[in-house]
Amino acid sequence: MKKRFTVLGILLAAFSFTQMNAQILSDKAMGALSKGVSGFTFSDADAAALAKESIAEMDANNPVAGPEDGYSIRLNRVFEKHISSEGVTLNYKVYLVKDINAFACADGSVRVFGGLMDIMDDNELLAVIGHEIGHVVNHDSRDAVKAAYKKEALLDAASSQSGKIETMTKSQLGQIGSAMIDSKHSRKQESEADSFSYDFMKRNGYDVNAVEAAFRILQNLSEGAEASFMTKMMSSHPDSGKRADDAKKKATKDGLYKAYVQQKIDNTAPVKAKTPAKTTAKKTTAKKK
């Protein structure tokens, strides 16, 4: 079986909902669909609440690295100082899967796949995560959730008129996740997130050339054995080579460009030193003469 590479920037991964049964829309939902929900207002808070529920379902149905796992230890070391970024409070975890992906949701949840951490060093990871945070800060994640919510017609007539979000069932969260996959970010949104990533790296004193390097990795993948799959998956994204070239131009303009040399990648947990066994000293009692 060929190893499939999942492209960066997909908001929610389809495999997380494979165990959920599809749900037929209720009469209320069909009524909402017929009446339309175009006037429904969807705030950042609404998007965050729905994303939080969806990410909880994903975490429950995917292999999440524990706190003592090497992948978690590395991600904490790399990104711990950026828990609060651009007014967004982040929480992040690693999915122990071989797919190459990372995504951020409207509630600030960042999920990084083990496959990505296997091929990118710390700076390249920061560039990718910075890109995903850009989607949250730029409200792209909110817009994707809103589009998915409206597409699935999960509002009944009352909620579409009152402007209230209805409680989602697990099956409905599955539908939302699938719909958000179909609702990919536009090329303009991706380019703006790329710029955010570069500025994030520069602002925090990281090597901005890692942005180009990360896209070169994707470019090389798209030209390799998985070319046809990557080309299909990248159809809604700007060309990886062009994105790498754009990052290089920014670094050159800022006088910061130099060929990036990838650093060592280590996802292993440090070996804990064994605690020496305690020895009990024998008490000696002096005999009276």
C-alpha atoms as a PDB file:
ATOM      1  CA  MET A   1       0.000   0.000   0.000  1.00  0.00           C
ATOM      2  CA  LYS A   2       1.388   3.376  -0.930  1.00  0.00           C
ATOM      3  CA  LYS A   3       1.986   5.835   1.846  1.00  0.00           C
ATOM      4  CA  ARG A   4      -0.357   8.777   1.401  1.00  0.00           C
ATOM      5  CA  PHE A   5       0.716  12.267   2.234  1.00  0.00           C
ATOM      6  CA  THR A   6      -1.971  14.597   3.571  1.00  0.00           C
ATOM      7  CA  VAL A   7      -1.378  18.163   2.481  1.00  0.00           C
ATOM      8  CA  LEU A   8      -0.803  20.985   4.942  1.00  0.00           C
ATOM      9  CA  GLY A   9      -3.670  23.314   5.677  1.00  0.00           C
ATOM     10  CA  ILE A  10      -6.616  20.883   5.712  1.00  0.00           C
ATOM     11  CA  LEU A  11      -8.709  22.042   8.631  1.00  0.00           C
ATOM     12  CA  LEU A  12     -10.026  18.691   9.836  1.00  0.00           C
ATOM     13  CA  ALA A  13      -8.876  15.210   8.830  1.00  0.00           C
ATOM     14  CA  ALA A  14     -11.460  12.795   7.441  1.00  0.00           C
ATOM     15  CA  PHE A  15     -10.082   9.720   9.176  1.00  0.00           C
ATOM     16  CA  SER A  16     -11.137  11.043  12.559  1.00  0.00           C
ATOM     17  CA  PHE A  17     -14.775  10.487  11.729  1.00  0.00           C
ATOM     18  CA  THR A  18     -14.631   7.117   9.960  1.00  0.00           C
ATOM     19  CA  GLN A  19     -16.349   5.333  12.850  1.00  0.00           C
ATOM     20  CA  MET A  20     -19.300   7.723  12.876  1.00  0.00           C
ATOM     21  CA  ASN A  21     -22.480   6.820  11.037  1.00  0.00           C
ATOM     22  CA  ALA A  22     -23.877   9.321   8.571  1.00  0.00           C
ATOM     23  CA  GLN A  23     -27.062  10.931   9.835  1.00  0.00           C
ATOM     24  CA  ILE A  24     -30.082  11.728   7.669  1.00  0.00           C
ATOM     25  CA  LEU A  25     -31.098  15.340   8.101  1.00  0.00           C
ATOM     26  CA  SER A  26     -34.120  15.797  10.310  1.00  0.00           C
ATOM     27  CA  ASP A  27     -37.353  17.455   9.203  1.00  0.00           C
ATOM     28  CA  LYS A  28     -36.281  20.589  11.066  1.00  0.00           C
ATOM     29  CA  ALA A  29     -32.938  20.654   9.261  1.00  0.00           C
ATOM     30  CA  MET A  30     -34.656  20.153   5.922  1.00  0.00           C
ATOM     31  CA  GLY A  31     -36.982  23.008   6.796  1.00  0.00           C
ATOM     32  CA  ALA A  32     -34.017  25.237   7.516  1.00  0.00           C
ATOM     33  CA  LEU A  33     -32.439  24.211   4.219  1.00  0.00           C
ATOM     34  CA  SER A  34     -35.582  25.123   2.280  1.00  0.00           C
ATOM     35  CA  LYS A  35     -35.907  28.469   4.061  1.00  0.00           C
ATOM     36  CA  GLY A  36     -32.207  29.215   3.763  1.00  0.00           C
ATOM     37  CA  VAL A  37     -29.753  30.382   6.427  1.00  0.00           C
ATOM     38  CA  SER A  38     -28.000  33.094   4.456  1.00  0.00           C
ATOM     39  CA  GLY A  39     -28.856  35.701   7.062  1.00  0.00           C
ATOM     40  CA  PHE A  40     -27.491  33.673   9.946  1.00  0.00           C
ATOM     41  CA  THR A  41     -24.840  35.521  11.925  1.00  0.00           C
ATOM     42  CA  PHE A  42     -21.871  33.413  12.967  1.00  0.00           C
ATOM     43  CA  SER A  43     -19.473  35.030  15.425  1.00  0.00           C
ATOM     44  CA  ASP A  44     -15.923  34.120  16.397  1.00  0.00           C
ATOM     45  CA  ALA A  45     -17.359  32.740  19.641  1.00  0.00           C
ATOM     46  CA  ASP A  46     -19.781  30.517  17.705  1.00  0.00           C
ATOM     47  CA  ALA A  47     -16.955  29.178  15.540  1.00  0.00           C
ATOM     48  CA  ALA A  48     -14.740  28.555  18.566  1.00  0.00           C
ATOM     49  CA  ALA A  49     -17.495  26.684  20.397  1.00  0.00           C
ATOM     50  CA  LEU A  50     -18.252  24.434  17.429  1.00  0.00           C
ATOM     51  CA  ALA A  51     -14.557  23.857  16.689  1.00  0.00           C
ATOM     52  CA  LYS A  52     -13.950  22.908  20.317  1.00  0.00           C
ATOM     53  CA  GLU A  53     -16.615  20.203  20.116  1.00  0.00           C
ATOM     54  CA  SER A  54     -15.262  18.909  16.813  1.00  0.00           C
ATOM     55  CA  ILE A  55     -11.671  18.770  18.055  1.00  0.00           C
ATOM     56  CA  ALA A  56     -12.819  16.887  21.164  1.00  0.00           C
ATOM     57  CA  GLU A  57     -14.312  14.225  18.892  1.00  0.00           C
ATOM     58  CA  MET A  58     -11.095  14.086  16.872  1.00  0.00           C
ATOM     59  CA  ASP A  59      -8.956  13.679  19.977  1.00  0.00           C
ATOM     60  CA  ALA A  60     -11.211  10.903  21.215  1.00  0.00           C
ATOM     61  CA  ASN A  61     -10.945   8.978  17.945  1.00  0.00           C
ATOM     62  CA  ASN A  62      -7.253   9.385  17.100  1.00  0.00           C
ATOM     63  CA  PRO A  63      -3.957   8.297  18.702  1.00  0.00           C
ATOM     64  CA  VAL A  64      -2.869  11.336  20.728  1.00  0.00           C
ATOM     65  CA  ALA A  65       0.717  11.387  21.998  1.00  0.00           C
ATOM     66  CA  GLY A  66       0.900  11.343  25.784  1.00  0.00           C
ATOM     67  CA  PRO A  67       2.888  13.875  27.827  1.00  0.00           C
ATOM     68  CA  GLU A  68       5.862  11.490  28.164  1.00  0.00           C
ATOM     69  CA  ASP A  69       5.986  10.667  24.451  1.00  0.00           C
ATOM     70  CA  GLY A  70       8.976  12.026  22.555  1.00  0.00           C
ATOM     71  CA  TYR A  71       6.775  13.784  20.008  1.00  0.00           C
ATOM     72  CA  SER A  72       4.898  15.675  22.736  1.00  0.00           C
ATOM     73  CA  ILE A  73       8.100  16.562  24.548  1.00  0.00           C
ATOM     74  CA  ARG A  74       9.588  17.989  21.367  1.00  0.00           C
ATOM     75  CA  LEU A  75       6.486  19.986  20.425  1.00  0.00           C
ATOM     76  CA  ASN A  76       6.286  21.427  23.946  1.00  0.00           C
ATOM     77  CA  ARG A  77       9.926  22.444  23.781  1.00  0.00           C
ATOM     78  CA  VAL A  78       9.511  24.059  20.374  1.00  0.00           C
ATOM     79  CA  PHE A  79       6.205  25.813  20.863  1.00  0.00           C
ATOM     80  CA  GLU A  80       5.536  26.186  24.586  1.00  0.00           C
ATOM     81  CA  LYS A  81       6.408  29.891  24.665  1.00  0.00           C
ATOM     82  CA  HIS A  82       3.765  30.615  22.005  1.00  0.00           C
ATOM     83  CA  ILE A  83       0.721  29.286  23.873  1.00  0.00           C
ATOM     84  CA  SER A  84      -0.670  32.802  23.674  1.00  0.00           C
ATOM     85  CA  SER A  85      -0.077  34.312  20.238  1.00  0.00           C
ATOM     86  CA  GLU A  86      -1.682  37.320  18.576  1.00  0.00           C
ATOM     87  CA  GLY A  87      -4.492  37.375  21.123  1.00  0.00           C
ATOM     88  CA  VAL A  88      -5.292  33.688  20.513  1.00  0.00           C
ATOM     89  CA  THR A  89      -4.847  31.149  23.316  1.00  0.00           C
ATOM     90  CA  LEU A  90      -3.531  27.922  21.852  1.00  0.00           C
ATOM     91  CA  ASN A  91      -3.625  24.303  22.893  1.00  0.00           C
ATOM     92  CA  TYR A  92      -1.666  21.774  20.911  1.00  0.00           C
ATOM     93  CA  LYS A  93      -1.219  18.011  20.636  1.00  0.00           C
ATOM     94  CA  VAL A  94       0.434  15.456  18.375  1.00  0.00           C
ATOM     95  CA  TYR A  95      -1.453  12.769  16.461  1.00  0.00           C
ATOM     96  CA  LEU A  96       0.717   9.665  16.176  1.00  0.00           C
ATOM     97  CA  VAL A  97      -0.009   9.014  12.503  1.00  0.00           C
ATOM     98  CA  LYS A  98       2.290   8.971   9.483  1.00  0.00           C
ATOM     99  CA  ASP A  99       0.303  11.532   7.474  1.00  0.00           C
ATOM    100  CA  ILE A 100       2.059  14.835   6.817  1.00  0.00           C
ATOM    101  CA  ASN A 101      -0.269  17.500   8.140  1.00  0.00           C
ATOM    102  CA  ALA A 102      -0.890  20.214  10.701  1.00  0.00           C
ATOM    103  CA  PHE A 103      -3.996  22.289  11.308  1.00  0.00           C
ATOM    104  CA  ALA A 104      -5.403  24.917  13.635  1.00  0.00           C
ATOM    105  CA  CYS A 105      -9.064  25.435  14.538  1.00  0.00           C
ATOM    106  CA  ALA A 106     -11.061  28.509  15.429  1.00  0.00           C
ATOM    107  CA  ASP A 107     -10.856  27.695  19.152  1.00  0.00           C
ATOM    108  CA  GLY A 108      -7.049  27.810  19.078  1.00  0.00           C
ATOM    109  CA  SER A 109      -6.557  24.040  18.917  1.00  0.00           C
ATOM    110  CA  VAL A 110      -3.394  23.135  17.001  1.00  0.00           C
ATOM    111  CA  ARG A 111      -2.811  19.534  15.981  1.00  0.00           C
ATOM    112  CA  VAL A 112       0.452  18.349  14.439  1.00  0.00           C
ATOM    113  CA  PHE A 113       0.831  14.926  12.827  1.00  0.00           C
ATOM    114  CA  GLY A 114       3.773  12.665  13.615  1.00  0.00           C
ATOM    115  CA  GLY A 115       4.570  12.285   9.921  1.00  0.00           C
ATOM    116  CA  LEU A 116       5.227  16.009   9.656  1.00  0.00           C
ATOM    117  CA  MET A 117       7.504  15.979  12.697  1.00  0.00           C
ATOM    118  CA  ASP A 118       9.488  13.137  11.113  1.00  0.00           C
ATOM    119  CA  ILE A 119      10.538  15.238   8.108  1.00  0.00           C
ATOM    120  CA  MET A 120      10.762  18.811   9.448  1.00  0.00           C
ATOM    121  CA  ASP A 121      13.134  20.247  12.026  1.00  0.00           C
ATOM    122  CA  ASP A 122      12.200  22.668  14.809  1.00  0.00           C
ATOM    123  CA  ASN A 123      12.374  25.839  12.704  1.00  0.00           C
ATOM    124  CA  GLU A 124      10.433  24.289   9.841  1.00  0.00           C
ATOM    125  CA  LEU A 125       7.769  23.128  12.306  1.00  0.00           C
ATOM    126  CA  LEU A 126       7.519  26.660  13.686  1.00  0.00           C
ATOM    127  CA  ALA A 127       7.038  27.976  10.152  1.00  0.00           C
ATOM    128  CA  VAL A 128       4.227  25.501   9.480  1.00  0.00           C
ATOM    129  CA  ILE A 129       2.483  26.107  12.809  1.00  0.00           C
ATOM    130  CA  GLY A 130       2.861  29.857  12.291  1.00  0.00           C
ATOM    131  CA  HIS A 131       1.063  29.422   8.977  1.00  0.00           C
ATOM    132  CA  GLU A 132      -1.806  27.589  10.683  1.00  0.00           C
ATOM    133  CA  ILE A 133      -2.074  30.226  13.413  1.00  0.00           C
ATOM    134  CA  GLY A 134      -2.344  32.767  10.607  1.00  0.00           C
ATOM    135  CA  HIS A 135      -5.539  31.065   9.434  1.00  0.00           C
ATOM    136  CA  VAL A 136      -7.017  31.497  12.928  1.00  0.00           C
ATOM    137  CA  VAL A 137      -5.900  35.113  13.355  1.00  0.00           C
ATOM    138  CA  ASN A 138      -7.141  36.022   9.859  1.00  0.00           C
ATOM    139  CA  HIS A 139     -10.560  34.442  10.634  1.00  0.00           C
ATOM    140  CA  ASP A 140     -10.137  31.845   7.874  1.00  0.00           C
ATOM    141  CA  SER A 141     -10.879  29.048  10.354  1.00  0.00           C
ATOM    142  CA  ARG A 142     -14.042  30.815  11.491  1.00  0.00           C
ATOM    143  CA  ASP A 143     -15.213  31.241   7.914  1.00  0.00           C
ATOM    144  CA  ALA A 144     -14.538  27.553   7.143  1.00  0.00           C
ATOM    145  CA  VAL A 145     -16.579  26.425  10.148  1.00  0.00           C
ATOM    146  CA  LYS A 146     -19.409  28.777   9.183  1.00  0.00           C
ATOM    147  CA  ALA A 147     -19.442  27.522   5.599  1.00  0.00           C
ATOM    148  CA  ALA A 148     -19.500  23.918   6.759  1.00  0.00           C
ATOM    149  CA  TYR A 149     -22.259  24.613   9.261  1.00  0.00           C
ATOM    150  CA  LYS A 150     -24.451  26.261   6.648  1.00  0.00           C
ATOM    151  CA  LYS A 151     -23.633  23.660   4.001  1.00  0.00           C
ATOM    152  CA  GLU A 152     -24.849  20.816   6.167  1.00  0.00           C
ATOM    153  CA  ALA A 153     -28.071  22.694   7.011  1.00  0.00           C
ATOM    154  CA  LEU A 154     -27.734  21.796  10.669  1.00  0.00           C
ATOM    155  CA  LEU A 155     -29.856  24.729  11.764  1.00  0.00           C
ATOM    156  CA  ASP A 156     -33.540  24.276  12.369  1.00  0.00           C
ATOM    157  CA  ALA A 157     -35.987  27.022  11.402  1.00  0.00           C
ATOM    158  CA  ALA A 158     -36.094  28.464  14.913  1.00  0.00           C
ATOM    159  CA  SER A 159     -32.340  28.702  15.329  1.00  0.00           C
ATOM    160  CA  SER A 160     -31.895  30.290  11.895  1.00  0.00           C
ATOM    161  CA  GLN A 161     -34.338  32.995  12.913  1.00  0.00           C
ATOM    162  CA  SER A 162     -33.152  33.464  16.494  1.00  0.00           C
ATOM    163  CA  GLY A 163     -29.466  33.360  15.638  1.00  0.00           C
ATOM    164  CA  LYS A 164     -28.686  30.612  18.178  1.00  0.00           C
ATOM    165  CA  ILE A 165     -26.440  27.643  17.617  1.00  0.00           C
ATOM    166  CA  GLU A 166     -28.116  24.296  18.237  1.00  0.00           C
ATOM    167  CA  THR A 167     -26.351  21.553  20.229  1.00  0.00           C
ATOM    168  CA  MET A 168     -24.548  19.150  17.878  1.00  0.00           C
ATOM    169  CA  THR A 169     -24.743  15.380  18.059  1.00  0.00           C
ATOM    170  CA  LYS A 170     -21.644  13.287  17.368  1.00  0.00           C
ATOM    171  CA  SER A 171     -22.947  12.407  13.938  1.00  0.00           C
ATOM    172  CA  GLN A 172     -23.563  16.060  13.174  1.00  0.00           C
ATOM    173  CA  LEU A 173     -20.048  16.923  14.304  1.00  0.00           C
ATOM    174  CA  GLY A 174     -18.899  14.275  11.852  1.00  0.00           C
ATOM    175  CA  GLN A 175     -20.858  15.959   9.086  1.00  0.00           C
ATOM    176  CA  ILE A 176     -19.369  19.309  10.037  1.00  0.00           C
ATOM    177  CA  GLY A 177     -15.860  17.846   9.917  1.00  0.00           C
ATOM    178  CA  SER A 178     -16.394  16.333   6.478  1.00  0.00           C
ATOM    179  CA  ALA A 179     -17.894  19.566   5.167  1.00  0.00           C
ATOM    180  CA  MET A 180     -14.983  21.604   6.477  1.00  0.00           C
ATOM    181  CA  ILE A 181     -12.595  19.353   4.574  1.00  0.00           C
ATOM    182  CA  ASP A 182     -14.476  20.156   1.397  1.00  0.00           C
ATOM    183  CA  SER A 183     -14.381  23.863   2.242  1.00  0.00           C
ATOM    184  CA  LYS A 184     -10.662  24.460   1.779  1.00  0.00           C
ATOM    185  CA  HIS A 185      -8.997  27.834   2.210  1.00  0.00           C
ATOM    186  CA  SER A 186      -8.711  30.010  -0.865  1.00  0.00           C
ATOM    187  CA  ARG A 187      -5.390  30.707  -2.530  1.00  0.00           C
ATOM    188  CA  LYS A 188      -5.563  34.280  -1.209  1.00  0.00           C
ATOM    189  CA  GLN A 189      -6.078  33.012   2.334  1.00  0.00           C
ATOM    190  CA  GLU A 190      -3.184  30.589   1.968  1.00  0.00           C
ATOM    191  CA  SER A 191      -0.887  33.355   0.684  1.00  0.00           C
ATOM    192  CA  GLU A 192      -1.858  35.623   3.581  1.00  0.00           C
ATOM    193  CA  ALA A 193      -1.175  32.803   6.032  1.00  0.00           C
ATOM    194  CA  ASP A 194       2.232  32.310   4.396  1.00  0.00           C
ATOM    195  CA  SER A 195       3.018  35.984   4.988  1.00  0.00           C
ATOM    196  CA  PHE A 196       1.843  35.654   8.586  1.00  0.00           C
ATOM    197  CA  SER A 197       4.203  32.704   9.051  1.00  0.00           C
ATOM    198  CA  TYR A 198       7.182  34.655   7.714  1.00  0.00           C
ATOM    199  CA  ASP A 199       6.381  37.649   9.939  1.00  0.00           C
ATOM    200  CA  PHE A 200       5.866  35.316  12.925  1.00  0.00           C
ATOM    201  CA  MET A 201       9.321  33.809  12.416  1.00  0.00           C
ATOM    202  CA  LYS A 202      10.956  37.205  11.939  1.00  0.00           C
ATOM    203  CA  ARG A 203       9.171  38.814  14.901  1.00  0.00           C
ATOM    204  CA  ASN A 204      10.235  36.031  17.259  1.00  0.00           C
ATOM    205  CA  GLY A 205      13.856  35.891  16.148  1.00  0.00           C
ATOM    206  CA  TYR A 206      13.725  32.552  14.314  1.00  0.00           C
ATOM    207  CA  ASP A 207      15.461  31.761  11.047  1.00  0.00           C
ATOM    208  CA  VAL A 208      13.025  33.041   8.399  1.00  0.00           C
ATOM    209  CA  ASN A 209      14.709  30.864   5.786  1.00  0.00           C
ATOM    210  CA  ALA A 210      12.971  27.878   7.365  1.00  0.00           C
ATOM    211  CA  VAL A 211       9.736  29.082   5.726  1.00  0.00           C
ATOM    212  CA  GLU A 212      11.249  28.524   2.285  1.00  0.00           C
ATOM    213  CA  ALA A 213      12.735  25.228   3.455  1.00  0.00           C
ATOM    214  CA  ALA A 214       9.360  23.902   4.636  1.00  0.00           C
ATOM    215  CA  PHE A 215       7.776  24.611   1.261  1.00  0.00           C
ATOM    216  CA  ARG A 216      10.743  23.051  -0.557  1.00  0.00           C
ATOM    217  CA  ILE A 217      10.039  19.838   1.329  1.00  0.00           C
ATOM    218  CA  LEU A 218       6.440  19.886   0.083  1.00  0.00           C
ATOM    219  CA  GLN A 219       7.641  20.735  -3.404  1.00  0.00           C
ATOM    220  CA  ASN A 220      10.005  17.747  -3.403  1.00  0.00           C
ATOM    221  CA  LEU A 221       7.190  15.473  -2.225  1.00  0.00           C
ATOM    222  CA  SER A 222       4.920  16.712  -5.005  1.00  0.00           C
ATOM    223  CA  GLU A 223       7.603  15.878  -7.565  1.00  0.00           C
ATOM    224  CA  GLY A 224       8.344  12.421  -6.175  1.00  0.00           C
ATOM    225  CA  ALA A 225       6.506   9.116  -6.068  1.00  0.00           C
ATOM    226  CA  GLU A 226       3.428  10.734  -4.583  1.00  0.00           C
ATOM    227  CA  ALA A 227       3.253  13.433  -7.270  1.00  0.00           C
ATOM    228  CA  SER A 228      -0.238  12.632  -8.570  1.00  0.00           C
ATOM    229  CA  PHE A 229      -1.731  12.469  -5.084  1.00  0.00           C
ATOM    230  CA  MET A 230       0.004  15.668  -3.943  1.00  0.00           C
ATOM    231  CA  THR A 231      -1.040  17.501  -7.104  1.00  0.00           C
ATOM    232  CA  LYS A 232      -4.667  16.594  -6.459  1.00  0.00           C
ATOM    233  CA  MET A 233      -4.483  17.599  -2.806  1.00  0.00           C
ATOM    234  CA  MET A 234      -2.688  20.857  -3.584  1.00  0.00           C
ATOM    235  CA  SER A 235      -5.246  21.948  -6.177  1.00  0.00           C
ATOM    236  CA  SER A 236      -6.688  24.571  -3.811  1.00  0.00           C
ATOM    237  CA  HIS A 237      -3.278  25.772  -2.632  1.00  0.00           C
ATOM    238  CA  PRO A 238      -0.686  27.964  -4.316  1.00  0.00           C
ATOM    239  CA  ASP A 239       2.167  25.996  -5.889  1.00  0.00           C
ATOM    240  CA  SER A 240       4.675  24.922  -3.204  1.00  0.00           C
ATOM    241  CA  GLY A 241       7.599  25.993  -5.353  1.00  0.00           C
ATOM    242  CA  LYS A 242       6.119  29.466  -5.809  1.00  0.00           C
ATOM    243  CA  ARG A 243       5.431  29.747  -2.092  1.00  0.00           C
ATOM    244  CA  ALA A 244       9.043  28.820  -1.400  1.00  0.00           C
ATOM    245  CA  ASP A 245      10.218  31.406  -3.942  1.00  0.00           C
ATOM    246  CA  ASP A 246       8.041  34.085  -2.326  1.00  0.00           C
ATOM    247  CA  ALA A 247       9.518  33.343   1.120  1.00  0.00           C
ATOM    248  CA  LYS A 248      13.006  33.531  -0.369  1.00  0.00           C
ATOM    249  CA  LYS A 249      12.219  36.923  -1.930  1.00  0.00           C
ATOM    250  CA  LYS A 250      11.026  38.274   1.428  1.00  0.00           C
ATOM    251  CA  ALA A 251      14.178  37.077   3.178  1.00  0.00           C
ATOM    252  CA  THR A 252      16.381  38.518   0.413  1.00  0.00           C
ATOM    253  CA  LYS A 253      14.590  41.876   0.609  1.00  0.00           C
ATOM    254  CA  ASP A 254      15.132  41.931   4.388  1.00  0.00           C
ATOM    255  CA  GLY A 255      18.818  41.067   3.946  1.00  0.00           C
ATOM    256  CA  LEU A 256      18.307  37.816   5.842  1.00  0.00           C
ATOM    257  CA  TYR A 257      18.546  35.225   3.116  1.00  0.00           C
ATOM    258  CA  LYS A 258      20.944  32.317   3.316  1.00  0.00           C
ATOM    259  CA  ALA A 259      20.635  28.724   2.231  1.00  0.00           C
ATOM    260  CA  TYR A 260      18.897  26.844   5.008  1.00  0.00           C
ATOM    261  CA  VAL A 261      20.564  23.757   6.441  1.00  0.00           C
ATOM    262  CA  GLN A 262      18.131  21.401   8.127  1.00  0.00           C
ATOM    263  CA  GLN A 263      18.957  20.652  11.748  1.00  0.00           C
ATOM    264  CA  LYS A 264      18.819  17.282  13.494  1.00  0.00           C
ATOM    265  CA  ILE A 265      15.332  15.828  13.915  1.00  0.00           C
ATOM    266  CA  ASP A 266      14.795  13.895  17.129  1.00  0.00           C
ATOM    267  CA  ASN A 267      11.370  12.728  18.276  1.00  0.00           C
ATOM    268  CA  THR A 268      12.602  10.306  20.906  1.00  0.00           C
ATOM    269  CA  ALA A 269      11.936  10.766  24.585  1.00  0.00           C
ATOM    270  CA  PRO A 270      15.030  11.286  26.720  1.00  0.00           C
ATOM    271  CA  VAL A 271      16.125   8.217  28.621  1.00  0.00           C
ATOM    272  CA  LYS A 272      15.470   8.649  32.294  1.00  0.00           C
ATOM    273  CA  ALA A 273      18.368   7.877  34.578  1.00  0.00           C
ATOM    274  CA  LYS A 274      17.725   4.971  36.865  1.00  0.00           C
ATOM    275  CA  THR A 275      17.337   5.880  40.502  1.00  0.00           C
ATOM    276  CA  PRO A 276      19.954   4.027  42.532  1.00  0.00           C
ATOM    277  CA  ALA A 277      18.534   1.573  45.005  1.00  0.00           C
ATOM    278  CA  LYS A 278      18.453   2.857  48.551  1.00  0.00           C
ATOM    279  CA  THR A 279      20.706   1.074  50.991  1.00  0.00           C
ATOM    280  CA  THR A 280      19.758   0.830  54.616  1.00  0.00           C
ATOM    281  CA  ALA A 281      22.682   1.366  56.934  1.00  0.00           C
ATOM    282  CA  LYS A 282      22.859  -1.072  59.814  1.00  0.00           C
ATOM    283  CA  LYS A 283      22.786   0.541  63.208  1.00  0.00           C
ATOM    284  CA  THR A 284      25.526  -0.567  65.583  1.00  0.00           C
ATOM    285  CA  THR A 285      25.072  -0.359  69.285  1.00  0.00           C
ATOM    286  CA  ALA A 286      28.197   0.063  71.368  1.00  0.00           C
ATOM    287  CA  LYS A 287      28.414  -2.470  74.208  1.00  0.00           C
ATOM    288  CA  LYS A 288      28.946  -1.137  77.680  1.00  0.00           C
ATOM    289  CA  LYS A 289      32.118  -2.356  79.337  1.00  0.00           C
END
